[in-house]
Structure formats: C-alpha cells, structure tokens
Amino acid sequence: MQENIPILKEVKPLKNYRLHVKFSDGVEGEVDLSEFTGKGVFALWNDYSQFERVSIGSSGELVWNEDVDIDGLGVYLKLTDKKPEPFFRDCAISPMPEISRFFGSASRCSLAIMSRRTSMLKLK
C-alpha cells in the first residue's frame, strides 16, 4: 500500500544556513543546507538575508525565488532516513546527478500517480 506523502507545513530559518521544518504528519527537525552556499543558483545565499526569505511553495517545496527551490519530500526523507518506495510503489528510480550529491537518486512518477511534483528524492 502506498503511504500518503507528507506535506511541508512550516519552515523557520536558523543560523548557519540551517532550517527548522515541520511536516503534516508531525515530523519536524533541522536540516543543514550550508554545503550549497555559494554554489550555482545557491550563490543567492551569499547574502544571508536572501537565505532567510525561505517560504513554502504551492507544491510543498522550500522556495527562495523563482530559480531556487528544494523539494519538501527530499528534506523529509533526509530527516527521517526513510526511503521513497513506500510513497511511490509504482515509480521507477532514475539517477538525477544535479541533486544526487545531497539527496541521492530521484524517483520519477507519472502525473497520474502524483498530484505533486514529478521528481521526488531518494537518499542512499
């Protein structure tokens, strides 16, 4: 049976490029994003006030602007050390090198299966 996808409900920026997040199933905790600072689109965070402007997007993702976002389920999986398979039983796993460094490989599902984004993240 497929589990319900937890939705990101709260985010609060903390010091040192960390965020406190809370999900719809009650899971909450801190995630450290400092390794991304200054790299690629995350150069935006060189101005720490930009990092502090994090919000939750319409698909439950962490959003800083139209170019910078991180999927909420990937953060959930990192916090809980869960795998994506219970959420996407009918999905194939395919590598996504651009995000693999932090989250591992990603799971892609058809829009018919998912009501959220088509790329969800898996931790190794």
PDB file of N, CA and C in Angstrom:
ATOM      1  N   MET A   1       0.835  -1.189   0.000  1.00  0.00           N
ATOM      2  CA  MET A   1       0.000   0.000   0.000  1.00  0.00           C
ATOM      3  C   MET A   1       0.874   1.244   0.000  1.00  0.00           C
ATOM      4  N   GLN A   2       0.480   2.212  -0.771  1.00  0.00           N
ATOM      5  CA  GLN A   2       1.221   3.451  -0.892  1.00  0.00           C
ATOM      6  C   GLN A   2       0.909   4.367   0.283  1.00  0.00           C
ATOM      7  N   GLU A   3       1.958   4.948   0.898  1.00  0.00           N
ATOM      8  CA  GLU A   3       1.775   5.885   2.010  1.00  0.00           C
ATOM      9  C   GLU A   3       1.425   7.265   1.478  1.00  0.00           C
ATOM     10  N   ASN A   4       0.739   8.065   2.294  1.00  0.00           N
ATOM     11  CA  ASN A   4       0.472   9.447   1.943  1.00  0.00           C
ATOM     12  C   ASN A   4       1.772  10.241   1.994  1.00  0.00           C
ATOM     13  N   ILE A   5       1.931  11.143   1.050  1.00  0.00           N
ATOM     14  CA  ILE A   5       3.118  11.984   1.012  1.00  0.00           C
ATOM     15  C   ILE A   5       2.980  13.080   2.064  1.00  0.00           C
ATOM     16  N   PRO A   6       3.922  13.172   3.007  1.00  0.00           N
ATOM     17  CA  PRO A   6       3.854  14.242   3.999  1.00  0.00           C
ATOM     18  C   PRO A   6       4.099  15.600   3.335  1.00  0.00           C
ATOM     19  N   ILE A   7       3.371  16.593   3.752  1.00  0.00           N
ATOM     20  CA  ILE A   7       3.462  17.930   3.174  1.00  0.00           C
ATOM     21  C   ILE A   7       4.189  18.852   4.149  1.00  0.00           C
ATOM     22  N   LEU A   8       5.106  19.631   3.620  1.00  0.00           N
ATOM     23  CA  LEU A   8       5.821  20.616   4.413  1.00  0.00           C
ATOM     24  C   LEU A   8       4.838  21.701   4.852  1.00  0.00           C
ATOM     25  N   LYS A   9       4.735  21.917   6.156  1.00  0.00           N
ATOM     26  CA  LYS A   9       3.761  22.871   6.698  1.00  0.00           C
ATOM     27  C   LYS A   9       4.402  24.114   7.297  1.00  0.00           C
ATOM     28  N   GLU A  10       5.611  23.980   7.850  1.00  0.00           N
ATOM     29  CA  GLU A  10       6.269  25.113   8.493  1.00  0.00           C
ATOM     30  C   GLU A  10       7.756  25.094   8.182  1.00  0.00           C
ATOM     31  N   VAL A  11       8.320  26.282   8.024  1.00  0.00           N
ATOM     32  CA  VAL A  11       9.768  26.419   7.872  1.00  0.00           C
ATOM     33  C   VAL A  11      10.214  27.681   8.601  1.00  0.00           C
ATOM     34  N   LYS A  12      11.330  27.557   9.285  1.00  0.00           N
ATOM     35  CA  LYS A  12      11.891  28.701  10.002  1.00  0.00           C
ATOM     36  C   LYS A  12      13.403  28.703   9.767  1.00  0.00           C
ATOM     37  N   PRO A  13      13.940  29.805   9.213  1.00  0.00           N
ATOM     38  CA  PRO A  13      15.390  29.865   9.031  1.00  0.00           C
ATOM     39  C   PRO A  13      16.096  29.992  10.374  1.00  0.00           C
ATOM     40  N   LEU A  14      17.213  29.299  10.497  1.00  0.00           N
ATOM     41  CA  LEU A  14      18.038  29.335  11.697  1.00  0.00           C
ATOM     42  C   LEU A  14      19.417  29.871  11.297  1.00  0.00           C
ATOM     43  N   LYS A  15      20.324  29.937  12.238  1.00  0.00           N
ATOM     44  CA  LYS A  15      21.683  30.392  11.956  1.00  0.00           C
ATOM     45  C   LYS A  15      22.450  29.340  11.162  1.00  0.00           C
ATOM     46  N   ASN A  16      23.506  29.793  10.479  1.00  0.00           N
ATOM     47  CA  ASN A  16      24.441  28.919   9.781  1.00  0.00           C
ATOM     48  C   ASN A  16      23.796  28.081   8.683  1.00  0.00           C
ATOM     49  N   TYR A  17      22.850  28.664   7.956  1.00  0.00           N
ATOM     50  CA  TYR A  17      22.210  28.014   6.807  1.00  0.00           C
ATOM     51  C   TYR A  17      21.491  26.723   7.189  1.00  0.00           C
ATOM     52  N   ARG A  18      20.831  26.763   8.314  1.00  0.00           N
ATOM     53  CA  ARG A  18      20.017  25.640   8.769  1.00  0.00           C
ATOM     54  C   ARG A  18      18.563  26.088   8.766  1.00  0.00           C
ATOM     55  N   LEU A  19      17.674  25.116   8.580  1.00  0.00           N
ATOM     56  CA  LEU A  19      16.235  25.380   8.624  1.00  0.00           C
ATOM     57  C   LEU A  19      15.582  24.420   9.604  1.00  0.00           C
ATOM     58  N   HIS A  20      14.595  24.910  10.333  1.00  0.00           N
ATOM     59  CA  HIS A  20      13.726  24.039  11.119  1.00  0.00           C
ATOM     60  C   HIS A  20      12.474  23.849  10.277  1.00  0.00           C
ATOM     61  N   VAL A  21      12.114  22.590  10.040  1.00  0.00           N
ATOM     62  CA  VAL A  21      10.950  22.275   9.204  1.00  0.00           C
ATOM     63  C   VAL A  21       9.988  21.374   9.968  1.00  0.00           C
ATOM     64  N   LYS A  22       8.707  21.493   9.614  1.00  0.00           N
ATOM     65  CA  LYS A  22       7.675  20.639  10.210  1.00  0.00           C
ATOM     66  C   LYS A  22       6.745  20.173   9.096  1.00  0.00           C
ATOM     67  N   PHE A  23       6.385  18.877   9.157  1.00  0.00           N
ATOM     68  CA  PHE A  23       5.555  18.255   8.124  1.00  0.00           C
ATOM     69  C   PHE A  23       4.173  17.901   8.650  1.00  0.00           C
ATOM     70  N   SER A  24       3.265  17.610   7.726  1.00  0.00           N
ATOM     71  CA  SER A  24       1.866  17.339   8.051  1.00  0.00           C
ATOM     72  C   SER A  24       1.672  16.123   8.946  1.00  0.00           C
ATOM     73  N   ASP A  25       2.625  15.197   8.973  1.00  0.00           N
ATOM     74  CA  ASP A  25       2.498  14.016   9.834  1.00  0.00           C
ATOM     75  C   ASP A  25       3.135  14.223  11.204  1.00  0.00           C
ATOM     76  N   GLY A  26       3.557  15.454  11.504  1.00  0.00           N
ATOM     77  CA  GLY A  26       4.141  15.773  12.800  1.00  0.00           C
ATOM     78  C   GLY A  26       5.655  15.683  12.854  1.00  0.00           C
ATOM     79  N   VAL A  27       6.283  15.110  11.837  1.00  0.00           N
ATOM     80  CA  VAL A  27       7.749  15.038  11.805  1.00  0.00           C
ATOM     81  C   VAL A  27       8.304  16.448  11.702  1.00  0.00           C
ATOM     82  N   GLU A  28       9.311  16.742  12.524  1.00  0.00           N
ATOM     83  CA  GLU A  28       9.978  18.030  12.442  1.00  0.00           C
ATOM     84  C   GLU A  28      11.436  17.876  12.824  1.00  0.00           C
ATOM     85  N   GLY A  29      12.225  18.818  12.382  1.00  0.00           N
ATOM     86  CA  GLY A  29      13.641  18.775  12.693  1.00  0.00           C
ATOM     87  C   GLY A  29      14.404  19.834  11.930  1.00  0.00           C
ATOM     88  N   GLU A  30      15.733  19.778  12.042  1.00  0.00           N
ATOM     89  CA  GLU A  30      16.603  20.743  11.387  1.00  0.00           C
ATOM     90  C   GLU A  30      17.331  20.101  10.218  1.00  0.00           C
ATOM     91  N   VAL A  31      17.479  20.872   9.167  1.00  0.00           N
ATOM     92  CA  VAL A  31      18.255  20.440   8.007  1.00  0.00           C
ATOM     93  C   VAL A  31      19.332  21.491   7.753  1.00  0.00           C
ATOM     94  N   ASP A  32      20.544  21.015   7.496  1.00  0.00           N
ATOM     95  CA  ASP A  32      21.695  21.879   7.252  1.00  0.00           C
ATOM     96  C   ASP A  32      21.916  21.990   5.751  1.00  0.00           C
ATOM     97  N   LEU A  33      21.796  23.197   5.217  1.00  0.00           N
ATOM     98  CA  LEU A  33      21.979  23.434   3.791  1.00  0.00           C
ATOM     99  C   LEU A  33      23.263  24.199   3.502  1.00  0.00           C
ATOM    100  N   SER A  34      24.141  24.309   4.472  1.00  0.00           N
ATOM    101  CA  SER A  34      25.351  25.127   4.320  1.00  0.00           C
ATOM    102  C   SER A  34      26.252  24.651   3.185  1.00  0.00           C
ATOM    103  N   GLU A  35      26.238  23.368   2.867  1.00  0.00           N
ATOM    104  CA  GLU A  35      27.112  22.860   1.807  1.00  0.00           C
ATOM    105  C   GLU A  35      26.765  23.426   0.436  1.00  0.00           C
ATOM    106  N   PHE A  36      25.564  23.960   0.266  1.00  0.00           N
ATOM    107  CA  PHE A  36      25.155  24.516  -1.014  1.00  0.00           C
ATOM    108  C   PHE A  36      25.526  25.986  -1.182  1.00  0.00           C
ATOM    109  N   THR A  37      25.786  26.675  -0.090  1.00  0.00           N
ATOM    110  CA  THR A  37      26.019  28.117  -0.108  1.00  0.00           C
ATOM    111  C   THR A  37      27.108  28.500  -1.104  1.00  0.00           C
ATOM    112  N   GLY A  38      26.774  29.440  -1.969  1.00  0.00           N
ATOM    113  CA  GLY A  38      27.735  29.957  -2.930  1.00  0.00           C
ATOM    114  C   GLY A  38      27.894  29.136  -4.185  1.00  0.00           C
ATOM    115  N   LYS A  39      27.193  28.014  -4.302  1.00  0.00           N
ATOM    116  CA  LYS A  39      27.345  27.120  -5.458  1.00  0.00           C
ATOM    117  C   LYS A  39      26.148  27.236  -6.390  1.00  0.00           C
ATOM    118  N   GLY A  40      26.418  27.495  -7.669  1.00  0.00           N
ATOM    119  CA  GLY A  40      25.350  27.574  -8.661  1.00  0.00           C
ATOM    120  C   GLY A  40      24.287  28.589  -8.271  1.00  0.00           C
ATOM    121  N   VAL A  41      23.014  28.179  -8.361  1.00  0.00           N
ATOM    122  CA  VAL A  41      21.922  29.088  -8.016  1.00  0.00           C
ATOM    123  C   VAL A  41      21.937  29.477  -6.543  1.00  0.00           C
ATOM    124  N   PHE A  42      22.617  28.664  -5.724  1.00  0.00           N
ATOM    125  CA  PHE A  42      22.675  28.949  -4.289  1.00  0.00           C
ATOM    126  C   PHE A  42      23.654  30.068  -3.951  1.00  0.00           C
ATOM    127  N   ALA A  43      24.290  30.665  -4.955  1.00  0.00           N
ATOM    128  CA  ALA A  43      25.092  31.870  -4.735  1.00  0.00           C
ATOM    129  C   ALA A  43      24.204  32.986  -4.177  1.00  0.00           C
ATOM    130  N   LEU A  44      22.915  32.875  -4.427  1.00  0.00           N
ATOM    131  CA  LEU A  44      21.948  33.819  -3.848  1.00  0.00           C
ATOM    132  C   LEU A  44      22.133  33.936  -2.349  1.00  0.00           C
ATOM    133  N   TRP A  45      22.485  32.823  -1.707  1.00  0.00           N
ATOM    134  CA  TRP A  45      22.615  32.793  -0.254  1.00  0.00           C
ATOM    135  C   TRP A  45      23.881  33.457   0.263  1.00  0.00           C
ATOM    136  N   ASN A  46      24.765  33.914  -0.626  1.00  0.00           N
ATOM    137  CA  ASN A  46      25.934  34.656  -0.161  1.00  0.00           C
ATOM    138  C   ASN A  46      25.485  35.885   0.617  1.00  0.00           C
ATOM    139  N   ASP A  47      24.307  36.377   0.287  1.00  0.00           N
ATOM    140  CA  ASP A  47      23.640  37.408   1.071  1.00  0.00           C
ATOM    141  C   ASP A  47      22.699  36.658   2.014  1.00  0.00           C
ATOM    142  N   TYR A  48      23.093  36.516   3.275  1.00  0.00           N
ATOM    143  CA  TYR A  48      22.334  35.688   4.216  1.00  0.00           C
ATOM    144  C   TYR A  48      20.874  36.117   4.349  1.00  0.00           C
ATOM    145  N   SER A  49      20.607  37.401   4.141  1.00  0.00           N
ATOM    146  CA  SER A  49      19.210  37.854   4.229  1.00  0.00           C
ATOM    147  C   SER A  49      18.352  37.186   3.158  1.00  0.00           C
ATOM    148  N   GLN A  50      18.950  36.793   2.031  1.00  0.00           N
ATOM    149  CA  GLN A  50      18.211  36.063   0.997  1.00  0.00           C
ATOM    150  C   GLN A  50      17.860  34.654   1.470  1.00  0.00           C
ATOM    151  N   PHE A  51      18.785  34.005   2.161  1.00  0.00           N
ATOM    152  CA  PHE A  51      18.511  32.671   2.714  1.00  0.00           C
ATOM    153  C   PHE A  51      17.340  32.739   3.693  1.00  0.00           C
ATOM    154  N   GLU A  52      17.305  33.781   4.482  1.00  0.00           N
ATOM    155  CA  GLU A  52      16.249  33.928   5.492  1.00  0.00           C
ATOM    156  C   GLU A  52      14.867  34.161   4.898  1.00  0.00           C
ATOM    157  N   ARG A  53      14.779  34.425   3.613  1.00  0.00           N
ATOM    158  CA  ARG A  53      13.493  34.670   2.943  1.00  0.00           C
ATOM    159  C   ARG A  53      12.809  33.388   2.483  1.00  0.00           C
ATOM    160  N   VAL A  54      13.235  32.256   2.984  1.00  0.00           N
ATOM    161  CA  VAL A  54      12.650  30.975   2.588  1.00  0.00           C
ATOM    162  C   VAL A  54      11.150  30.952   2.882  1.00  0.00           C
ATOM    163  N   SER A  55      10.416  30.304   2.002  1.00  0.00           N
ATOM    164  CA  SER A  55       8.975  30.117   2.197  1.00  0.00           C
ATOM    165  C   SER A  55       8.601  28.735   1.662  1.00  0.00           C
ATOM    166  N   ILE A  56       7.344  28.396   1.800  1.00  0.00           N
ATOM    167  CA  ILE A  56       6.843  27.115   1.294  1.00  0.00           C
ATOM    168  C   ILE A  56       6.044  27.379   0.036  1.00  0.00           C
ATOM    169  N   GLY A  57       6.410  26.687  -1.036  1.00  0.00           N
ATOM    170  CA  GLY A  57       5.732  26.851  -2.317  1.00  0.00           C
ATOM    171  C   GLY A  57       4.434  26.066  -2.395  1.00  0.00           C
ATOM    172  N   SER A  58       3.728  26.224  -3.478  1.00  0.00           N
ATOM    173  CA  SER A  58       2.413  25.605  -3.648  1.00  0.00           C
ATOM    174  C   SER A  58       2.462  24.083  -3.728  1.00  0.00           C
ATOM    175  N   SER A  59       3.616  23.515  -4.030  1.00  0.00           N
ATOM    176  CA  SER A  59       3.763  22.054  -4.083  1.00  0.00           C
ATOM    177  C   SER A  59       4.468  21.503  -2.849  1.00  0.00           C
ATOM    178  N   GLY A  60       4.610  22.316  -1.818  1.00  0.00           N
ATOM    179  CA  GLY A  60       5.246  21.867  -0.590  1.00  0.00           C
ATOM    180  C   GLY A  60       6.759  21.911  -0.637  1.00  0.00           C
ATOM    181  N   GLU A  61       7.320  22.650  -1.566  1.00  0.00           N
ATOM    182  CA  GLU A  61       8.763  22.780  -1.670  1.00  0.00           C
ATOM    183  C   GLU A  61       9.251  24.011  -0.907  1.00  0.00           C
ATOM    184  N   LEU A  62      10.540  23.995  -0.541  1.00  0.00           N
ATOM    185  CA  LEU A  62      11.170  25.172   0.041  1.00  0.00           C
ATOM    186  C   LEU A  62      11.524  26.103  -1.106  1.00  0.00           C
ATOM    187  N   VAL A  63      11.161  27.380  -0.999  1.00  0.00           N
ATOM    188  CA  VAL A  63      11.355  28.323  -2.090  1.00  0.00           C
ATOM    189  C   VAL A  63      12.054  29.576  -1.585  1.00  0.00           C
ATOM    190  N   TRP A  64      13.033  30.044  -2.387  1.00  0.00           N
ATOM    191  CA  TRP A  64      13.693  31.313  -2.105  1.00  0.00           C
ATOM    192  C   TRP A  64      13.362  32.332  -3.187  1.00  0.00           C
ATOM    193  N   ASN A  65      13.298  31.901  -4.412  1.00  0.00           N
ATOM    194  CA  ASN A  65      12.847  32.733  -5.527  1.00  0.00           C
ATOM    195  C   ASN A  65      12.471  31.801  -6.677  1.00  0.00           C
ATOM    196  N   GLU A  66      12.206  32.365  -7.860  1.00  0.00           N
ATOM    197  CA  GLU A  66      11.768  31.530  -8.977  1.00  0.00           C
ATOM    198  C   GLU A  66      12.849  30.577  -9.483  1.00  0.00           C
ATOM    199  N   ASP A  67      14.097  30.793  -9.091  1.00  0.00           N
ATOM    200  CA  ASP A  67      15.194  29.939  -9.531  1.00  0.00           C
ATOM    201  C   ASP A  67      15.711  28.980  -8.467  1.00  0.00           C
ATOM    202  N   VAL A  68      15.362  29.204  -7.230  1.00  0.00           N
ATOM    203  CA  VAL A  68      15.947  28.420  -6.132  1.00  0.00           C
ATOM    204  C   VAL A  68      14.846  27.785  -5.295  1.00  0.00           C
ATOM    205  N   ASP A  69      14.781  26.441  -5.359  1.00  0.00           N
ATOM    206  CA  ASP A  69      13.856  25.698  -4.508  1.00  0.00           C
ATOM    207  C   ASP A  69      14.428  24.311  -4.233  1.00  0.00           C
ATOM    208  N   ILE A  70      13.939  23.692  -3.184  1.00  0.00           N
ATOM    209  CA  ILE A  70      14.332  22.328  -2.808  1.00  0.00           C
ATOM    210  C   ILE A  70      13.060  21.575  -2.460  1.00  0.00           C
ATOM    211  N   ASP A  71      12.915  20.386  -3.014  1.00  0.00           N
ATOM    212  CA  ASP A  71      11.707  19.602  -2.804  1.00  0.00           C
ATOM    213  C   ASP A  71      11.519  19.232  -1.327  1.00  0.00           C
ATOM    214  N   GLY A  72      10.313  19.388  -0.823  1.00  0.00           N
ATOM    215  CA  GLY A  72       9.999  19.090   0.568  1.00  0.00           C
ATOM    216  C   GLY A  72      10.129  17.621   0.919  1.00  0.00           C
ATOM    217  N   LEU A  73       9.767  16.726  -0.002  1.00  0.00           N
ATOM    218  CA  LEU A  73       9.867  15.306   0.308  1.00  0.00           C
ATOM    219  C   LEU A  73      11.318  14.874   0.470  1.00  0.00           C
ATOM    220  N   GLY A  74      12.214  15.440  -0.314  1.00  0.00           N
ATOM    221  CA  GLY A  74      13.634  15.139  -0.160  1.00  0.00           C
ATOM    222  C   GLY A  74      14.134  15.513   1.220  1.00  0.00           C
ATOM    223  N   VAL A  75      13.682  16.647   1.715  1.00  0.00           N
ATOM    224  CA  VAL A  75      14.050  17.079   3.064  1.00  0.00           C
ATOM    225  C   VAL A  75      13.458  16.116   4.094  1.00  0.00           C
ATOM    226  N   TYR A  76      12.212  15.712   3.877  1.00  0.00           N
ATOM    227  CA  TYR A  76      11.555  14.755   4.779  1.00  0.00           C
ATOM    228  C   TYR A  76      12.333  13.442   4.843  1.00  0.00           C
ATOM    229  N   LEU A  77      12.713  12.930   3.683  1.00  0.00           N
ATOM    230  CA  LEU A  77      13.455  11.670   3.637  1.00  0.00           C
ATOM    231  C   LEU A  77      14.802  11.797   4.340  1.00  0.00           C
ATOM    232  N   LYS A  78      15.441  12.929   4.194  1.00  0.00           N
ATOM    233  CA  LYS A  78      16.724  13.158   4.864  1.00  0.00           C
ATOM    234  C   LYS A  78      16.543  13.185   6.386  1.00  0.00           C
ATOM    235  N   LEU A  79      15.502  13.839   6.845  1.00  0.00           N
ATOM    236  CA  LEU A  79      15.255  13.931   8.292  1.00  0.00           C
ATOM    237  C   LEU A  79      14.908  12.580   8.916  1.00  0.00           C
ATOM    238  N   THR A  80      14.126  11.788   8.205  1.00  0.00           N
ATOM    239  CA  THR A  80      13.602  10.540   8.771  1.00  0.00           C
ATOM    240  C   THR A  80      14.424   9.307   8.411  1.00  0.00           C
ATOM    241  N   ASP A  81      15.328   9.455   7.468  1.00  0.00           N
ATOM    242  CA  ASP A  81      16.124   8.338   6.949  1.00  0.00           C
ATOM    243  C   ASP A  81      15.232   7.284   6.288  1.00  0.00           C
ATOM    244  N   LYS A  82      14.050   7.711   5.824  1.00  0.00           N
ATOM    245  CA  LYS A  82      13.151   6.808   5.103  1.00  0.00           C
ATOM    246  C   LYS A  82      13.536   6.759   3.638  1.00  0.00           C
ATOM    247  N   LYS A  83      13.034   5.773   2.951  1.00  0.00           N
ATOM    248  CA  LYS A  83      13.209   5.608   1.520  1.00  0.00           C
ATOM    249  C   LYS A  83      11.929   6.048   0.809  1.00  0.00           C
ATOM    250  N   PRO A  84      11.995   6.416  -0.468  1.00  0.00           N
ATOM    251  CA  PRO A  84      10.806   6.904  -1.167  1.00  0.00           C
ATOM    252  C   PRO A  84       9.836   5.813  -1.601  1.00  0.00           C
ATOM    253  N   GLU A  85      10.276   4.562  -1.648  1.00  0.00           N
ATOM    254  CA  GLU A  85       9.432   3.497  -2.176  1.00  0.00           C
ATOM    255  C   GLU A  85       8.048   3.392  -1.537  1.00  0.00           C
ATOM    256  N   PRO A  86       7.904   3.528  -0.225  1.00  0.00           N
ATOM    257  CA  PRO A  86       6.544   3.447   0.338  1.00  0.00           C
ATOM    258  C   PRO A  86       5.600   4.537  -0.177  1.00  0.00           C
ATOM    259  N   PHE A  87       6.162   5.654  -0.627  1.00  0.00           N
ATOM    260  CA  PHE A  87       5.343   6.748  -1.139  1.00  0.00           C
ATOM    261  C   PHE A  87       5.023   6.582  -2.614  1.00  0.00           C
ATOM    262  N   PHE A  88       5.870   5.834  -3.331  1.00  0.00           N
ATOM    263  CA  PHE A  88       5.745   5.710  -4.778  1.00  0.00           C
ATOM    264  C   PHE A  88       5.953   4.273  -5.214  1.00  0.00           C
ATOM    265  N   ARG A  89       5.104   3.399  -4.818  1.00  0.00           N
ATOM    266  CA  ARG A  89       5.238   1.982  -5.136  1.00  0.00           C
ATOM    267  C   ARG A  89       5.293   1.714  -6.641  1.00  0.00           C
ATOM    268  N   ASP A  90       4.626   2.536  -7.439  1.00  0.00           N
ATOM    269  CA  ASP A  90       4.531   2.300  -8.874  1.00  0.00           C
ATOM    270  C   ASP A  90       5.533   3.120  -9.681  1.00  0.00           C
ATOM    271  N   CYS A  91       6.577   3.644  -9.029  1.00  0.00           N
ATOM    272  CA  CYS A  91       7.525   4.530  -9.705  1.00  0.00           C
ATOM    273  C   CYS A  91       8.844   3.851  -9.979  1.00  0.00           C
ATOM    274  N   ALA A  92       9.491   4.305 -11.017  1.00  0.00           N
ATOM    275  CA  ALA A  92      10.844   3.832 -11.342  1.00  0.00           C
ATOM    276  C   ALA A  92      11.857   4.803 -10.746  1.00  0.00           C
ATOM    277  N   ILE A  93      12.992   4.286 -10.334  1.00  0.00           N
ATOM    278  CA  ILE A  93      14.069   5.116  -9.807  1.00  0.00           C
ATOM    279  C   ILE A  93      15.043   5.404 -10.945  1.00  0.00           C
ATOM    280  N   SER A  94      15.396   6.680 -11.112  1.00  0.00           N
ATOM    281  CA  SER A  94      16.372   7.053 -12.130  1.00  0.00           C
ATOM    282  C   SER A  94      17.342   8.058 -11.537  1.00  0.00           C
ATOM    283  N   PRO A  95      18.604   8.031 -11.972  1.00  0.00           N
ATOM    284  CA  PRO A  95      19.586   8.957 -11.419  1.00  0.00           C
ATOM    285  C   PRO A  95      19.327  10.387 -11.855  1.00  0.00           C
ATOM    286  N   MET A  96      19.569  11.324 -10.968  1.00  0.00           N
ATOM    287  CA  MET A  96      19.483  12.748 -11.273  1.00  0.00           C
ATOM    288  C   MET A  96      20.745  13.384 -10.711  1.00  0.00           C
ATOM    289  N   PRO A  97      21.841  13.415 -11.476  1.00  0.00           N
ATOM    290  CA  PRO A  97      23.132  13.839 -10.952  1.00  0.00           C
ATOM    291  C   PRO A  97      23.149  15.232 -10.354  1.00  0.00           C
ATOM    292  N   GLU A  98      22.317  16.136 -10.849  1.00  0.00           N
ATOM    293  CA  GLU A  98      22.355  17.511 -10.348  1.00  0.00           C
ATOM    294  C   GLU A  98      21.943  17.625  -8.883  1.00  0.00           C
ATOM    295  N   ILE A  99      21.229  16.623  -8.349  1.00  0.00           N
ATOM    296  CA  ILE A  99      20.823  16.673  -6.952  1.00  0.00           C
ATOM    297  C   ILE A  99      21.341  15.494  -6.144  1.00  0.00           C
ATOM    298  N   SER A 100      22.033  14.575  -6.810  1.00  0.00           N
ATOM    299  CA  SER A 100      22.458  13.352  -6.146  1.00  0.00           C
ATOM    300  C   SER A 100      23.434  13.590  -5.003  1.00  0.00           C
ATOM    301  N   ARG A 101      24.227  14.630  -5.070  1.00  0.00           N
ATOM    302  CA  ARG A 101      25.229  14.868  -4.034  1.00  0.00           C
ATOM    303  C   ARG A 101      24.585  14.988  -2.652  1.00  0.00           C
ATOM    304  N   PHE A 102      23.454  15.653  -2.574  1.00  0.00           N
ATOM    305  CA  PHE A 102      22.791  15.867  -1.283  1.00  0.00           C
ATOM    306  C   PHE A 102      21.753  14.791  -0.990  1.00  0.00           C
ATOM    307  N   PHE A 103      20.948  14.441  -1.973  1.00  0.00           N
ATOM    308  CA  PHE A 103      19.792  13.595  -1.739  1.00  0.00           C
ATOM    309  C   PHE A 103      19.909  12.168  -2.269  1.00  0.00           C
ATOM    310  N   GLY A 104      20.879  11.864  -3.112  1.00  0.00           N
ATOM    311  CA  GLY A 104      20.961  10.542  -3.715  1.00  0.00           C
ATOM    312  C   GLY A 104      20.246  10.530  -5.049  1.00  0.00           C
ATOM    313  N   SER A 105      19.690   9.392  -5.426  1.00  0.00           N
ATOM    314  CA  SER A 105      18.971   9.317  -6.696  1.00  0.00           C
ATOM    315  C   SER A 105      17.538   9.769  -6.505  1.00  0.00           C
ATOM    316  N   ALA A 106      16.850   9.991  -7.596  1.00  0.00           N
ATOM    317  CA  ALA A 106      15.485  10.519  -7.520  1.00  0.00           C
ATOM    318  C   ALA A 106      14.485   9.549  -8.117  1.00  0.00           C
ATOM    319  N   SER A 107      13.275   9.633  -7.640  1.00  0.00           N
ATOM    320  CA  SER A 107      12.192   8.811  -8.140  1.00  0.00           C
ATOM    321  C   SER A 107      11.308   9.671  -9.028  1.00  0.00           C
ATOM    322  N   ARG A 108      10.993   9.176 -10.228  1.00  0.00           N
ATOM    323  CA  ARG A 108      10.111   9.918 -11.126  1.00  0.00           C
ATOM    324  C   ARG A 108       8.812   9.144 -11.314  1.00  0.00           C
ATOM    325  N   CYS A 109       7.712   9.810 -11.172  1.00  0.00           N
ATOM    326  CA  CYS A 109       6.400   9.188 -11.330  1.00  0.00           C
ATOM    327  C   CYS A 109       5.605   9.944 -12.371  1.00  0.00           C
ATOM    328  N   SER A 110       4.637   9.273 -12.946  1.00  0.00           N
ATOM    329  CA  SER A 110       3.770   9.954 -13.896  1.00  0.00           C
ATOM    330  C   SER A 110       2.833  10.891 -13.148  1.00  0.00           C
ATOM    331  N   LEU A 111       2.351  11.897 -13.842  1.00  0.00           N
ATOM    332  CA  LEU A 111       1.421  12.841 -13.221  1.00  0.00           C
ATOM    333  C   LEU A 111       0.141  12.160 -12.771  1.00  0.00           C
ATOM    334  N   ALA A 112      -0.203  11.050 -13.400  1.00  0.00           N
ATOM    335  CA  ALA A 112      -1.402  10.323 -12.997  1.00  0.00           C
ATOM    336  C   ALA A 112      -1.240   9.743 -11.594  1.00  0.00           C
ATOM    337  N   ILE A 113      -0.015   9.400 -11.204  1.00  0.00           N
ATOM    338  CA  ILE A 113       0.225   8.835  -9.877  1.00  0.00           C
ATOM    339  C   ILE A 113       0.382   9.939  -8.847  1.00  0.00           C
ATOM    340  N   MET A 114       1.026  11.017  -9.263  1.00  0.00           N
ATOM    341  CA  MET A 114       1.358  12.083  -8.309  1.00  0.00           C
ATOM    342  C   MET A 114       0.501  13.311  -8.508  1.00  0.00           C
ATOM    343  N   SER A 115       0.136  13.928  -7.422  1.00  0.00           N
ATOM    344  CA  SER A 115      -0.538  15.209  -7.508  1.00  0.00           C
ATOM    345  C   SER A 115       0.440  16.333  -7.207  1.00  0.00           C
ATOM    346  N   ARG A 116       1.671  15.969  -6.844  1.00  0.00           N
ATOM    347  CA  ARG A 116       2.724  16.940  -6.552  1.00  0.00           C
ATOM    348  C   ARG A 116       3.735  16.944  -7.681  1.00  0.00           C
ATOM    349  N   ARG A 117       4.914  17.427  -7.446  1.00  0.00           N
ATOM    350  CA  ARG A 117       5.994  17.477  -8.429  1.00  0.00           C
ATOM    351  C   ARG A 117       6.292  16.096  -8.984  1.00  0.00           C
ATOM    352  N   THR A 118       6.864  16.033 -10.171  1.00  0.00           N
ATOM    353  CA  THR A 118       7.166  14.750 -10.782  1.00  0.00           C
ATOM    354  C   THR A 118       8.506  14.192 -10.349  1.00  0.00           C
ATOM    355  N   SER A 119       9.339  14.971  -9.688  1.00  0.00           N
ATOM    356  CA  SER A 119      10.604  14.407  -9.223  1.00  0.00           C
ATOM    357  C   SER A 119      10.652  14.453  -7.711  1.00  0.00           C
ATOM    358  N   MET A 120      10.750  13.299  -7.113  1.00  0.00           N
ATOM    359  CA  MET A 120      10.867  13.156  -5.670  1.00  0.00           C
ATOM    360  C   MET A 120      12.221  12.544  -5.363  1.00  0.00           C
ATOM    361  N   LEU A 121      12.744  12.817  -4.191  1.00  0.00           N
ATOM    362  CA  LEU A 121      14.124  12.465  -3.913  1.00  0.00           C
ATOM    363  C   LEU A 121      14.280  11.252  -3.039  1.00  0.00           C
ATOM    364  N   LYS A 122      15.356  10.526  -3.282  1.00  0.00           N
ATOM    365  CA  LYS A 122      15.674   9.323  -2.516  1.00  0.00           C
ATOM    366  C   LYS A 122      17.065   9.464  -1.915  1.00  0.00           C
ATOM    367  N   LEU A 123      17.208   9.080  -0.674  1.00  0.00           N
ATOM    368  CA  LEU A 123      18.518   9.045  -0.039  1.00  0.00           C
ATOM    369  C   LEU A 123      19.106   7.660  -0.172  1.00  0.00           C
ATOM    370  N   LYS A 124      20.398   7.600  -0.292  1.00  0.00           N
ATOM    371  CA  LYS A 124      21.066   6.288  -0.340  1.00  0.00           C
ATOM    372  C   LYS A 124      21.177   5.715   1.050  1.00  0.00           C
TER     373      LYS A 124
END
